[in-house]
Amino acid sequence: KTDFINFINDQEWKSIEPVSSWFGPSSFLMSSMSALFQLSMWIRHGHGYLTENLGIPVWGSYALFGLATLFSGLILGLVSEAFGPD
């Protein structure tokens, strides 16, 4: 607490450089990181639902998420091939 009060009173905060816009909260990079974090939380909740509520074994939940990852990659590959440059 004392260090923080000294930081304010001595105006040490003036010597700190501001965060660049690239790392700002509304930047593309931070928005992407937030989306990845939200996706990981959704996967965690989905795993909990599958194992706790539906009684699927842990390895079964991992297998389902693995298959979903493979099929989503397949679909994205097919779409990019179909609509990509010739």
Protein backbone atom coordinates (compact mmCIF):
# COMPACT_ATOMS: atom_id res chain seq x y z
CA LYS A 1 0.00 0.00 0.00
CA THR A 2 2.81 2.39 0.90
CA ASP A 3 4.61 1.75 -2.38
CA PHE A 4 1.46 2.55 -4.33
CA ILE A 5 0.89 5.81 -2.42
CA ASN A 6 4.54 6.80 -2.99
CA PHE A 7 4.15 5.95 -6.68
CA ILE A 8 1.26 8.41 -6.91
CA ASN A 9 2.67 11.13 -4.64
CA ASP A 10 6.11 11.13 -6.26
CA GLN A 11 4.46 11.17 -9.70
CA GLU A 12 6.48 8.17 -10.86
CA TRP A 13 3.58 7.28 -13.13
CA LYS A 14 4.62 10.06 -15.50
CA SER A 15 7.79 8.15 -16.46
CA ILE A 16 5.87 5.07 -17.64
CA GLU A 17 5.21 4.78 -21.36
CA PRO A 18 1.58 4.18 -22.35
CA VAL A 19 0.57 0.83 -23.79
CA SER A 20 0.77 0.82 -27.57
CA SER A 21 -2.46 0.60 -29.51
CA TRP A 22 -1.43 -2.88 -30.69
CA PHE A 23 -1.80 -4.19 -27.12
CA GLY A 24 -4.79 -2.03 -26.19
CA PRO A 25 -7.99 -3.71 -24.97
CA SER A 26 -9.87 -3.01 -28.20
CA SER A 27 -7.09 -4.07 -30.59
CA PHE A 28 -7.42 -7.01 -32.96
CA LEU A 29 -4.77 -8.96 -31.05
CA MET A 30 -6.49 -8.63 -27.68
CA SER A 31 -9.92 -9.29 -29.19
CA SER A 32 -8.54 -12.49 -30.71
CA MET A 33 -7.04 -13.53 -27.38
CA SER A 34 -10.38 -12.89 -25.69
CA ALA A 35 -12.18 -15.01 -28.30
CA LEU A 36 -9.72 -17.88 -27.77
CA PHE A 37 -10.20 -17.66 -24.01
CA GLN A 38 -14.00 -17.72 -24.43
CA LEU A 39 -13.68 -20.74 -26.73
CA SER A 40 -11.54 -22.57 -24.18
CA MET A 41 -14.14 -21.85 -21.48
CA TRP A 42 -16.91 -23.14 -23.76
CA ILE A 43 -14.92 -26.33 -24.38
CA ARG A 44 -14.35 -26.75 -20.65
CA HIS A 45 -18.06 -26.36 -19.90
CA GLY A 46 -18.91 -28.71 -22.76
CA HIS A 47 -16.51 -31.30 -21.41
CA GLY A 48 -18.06 -30.97 -17.94
CA TYR A 49 -21.56 -31.34 -19.37
CA LEU A 50 -20.62 -34.43 -21.36
CA THR A 51 -18.86 -36.16 -18.47
CA GLU A 52 -21.00 -35.07 -15.49
CA ASN A 53 -24.51 -34.74 -16.91
CA LEU A 54 -24.50 -37.28 -19.72
CA GLY A 55 -22.13 -39.75 -18.06
CA ILE A 56 -19.79 -40.03 -21.04
CA PRO A 57 -16.31 -41.19 -19.96
CA VAL A 58 -13.51 -38.65 -20.13
CA TRP A 59 -11.85 -40.44 -23.05
CA GLY A 60 -15.19 -40.30 -24.91
CA SER A 61 -15.43 -36.56 -24.42
CA TYR A 62 -11.87 -36.14 -25.68
CA ALA A 63 -12.71 -38.30 -28.70
CA LEU A 64 -15.78 -36.18 -29.49
CA PHE A 65 -13.82 -32.94 -29.28
CA GLY A 66 -11.03 -34.46 -31.37
CA LEU A 67 -13.48 -35.52 -34.06
CA ALA A 68 -15.14 -32.10 -33.99
CA THR A 69 -11.71 -30.51 -34.49
CA LEU A 70 -10.91 -32.80 -37.41
CA PHE A 71 -14.26 -32.24 -39.12
CA SER A 72 -14.16 -28.47 -38.65
CA GLY A 73 -10.68 -28.45 -40.22
CA LEU A 74 -11.99 -30.57 -43.09
CA ILE A 75 -14.93 -28.22 -43.68
CA LEU A 76 -12.71 -25.11 -43.54
CA GLY A 77 -10.28 -26.74 -45.97
CA LEU A 78 -13.05 -27.63 -48.41
CA VAL A 79 -14.55 -24.14 -48.22
CA SER A 80 -11.19 -22.46 -48.75
CA GLU A 81 -10.48 -24.74 -51.70
CA ALA A 82 -13.88 -24.13 -53.25
CA PHE A 83 -13.82 -20.34 -52.89
CA GLY A 84 -10.05 -19.70 -53.00
CA PRO A 85 -8.11 -18.33 -55.96
CA ASP A 86 -7.74 -20.61 -58.95
